[in-house]
Amino acid sequence: MPERDWAAVFRKRDDVVTRQIVGETILVPVRGQLINMQKLFCLNPVAAFVWDHVNGQQTLAEIRDAVAAAFEVQPAQAAADLQEFVAELLGAELIEEGPRPCPAPSRSR
């Protein structure tokens, strides 16, 4: 699995519904008028945290750092887990790559 660029930004696909059921985060892909009950995804707390941060604005690096801080794991472990989870989300067509944020304009005097 190739490593994704840490400057990449991803967003949730419009055809994925997120539900909280008894404290669990469930992802429900809706294709057309159908819900595929065979393709429901139940997220653990770390995956749910990542899912909440896949918002089309934060880079993978920002999400990695947030995971490392929130769950008190080493950055290298957060990085490896995030890369794997993003690959799974992409493979399941739950997220898509979004436009990269524009760099802040430089100020010259």
Foldseek 3Di string as FASTA:
>chain_A
DDFDDQQWAKAFDPQWDWDQDPNWIKIWGHDDNDTDPVPIDTDDPLLVQLNVVSHRAHGNNRSLVVSCVVVVDDSVVSRVVSRVSVVVCVVSVGMDIHDGDDDDDDDDD
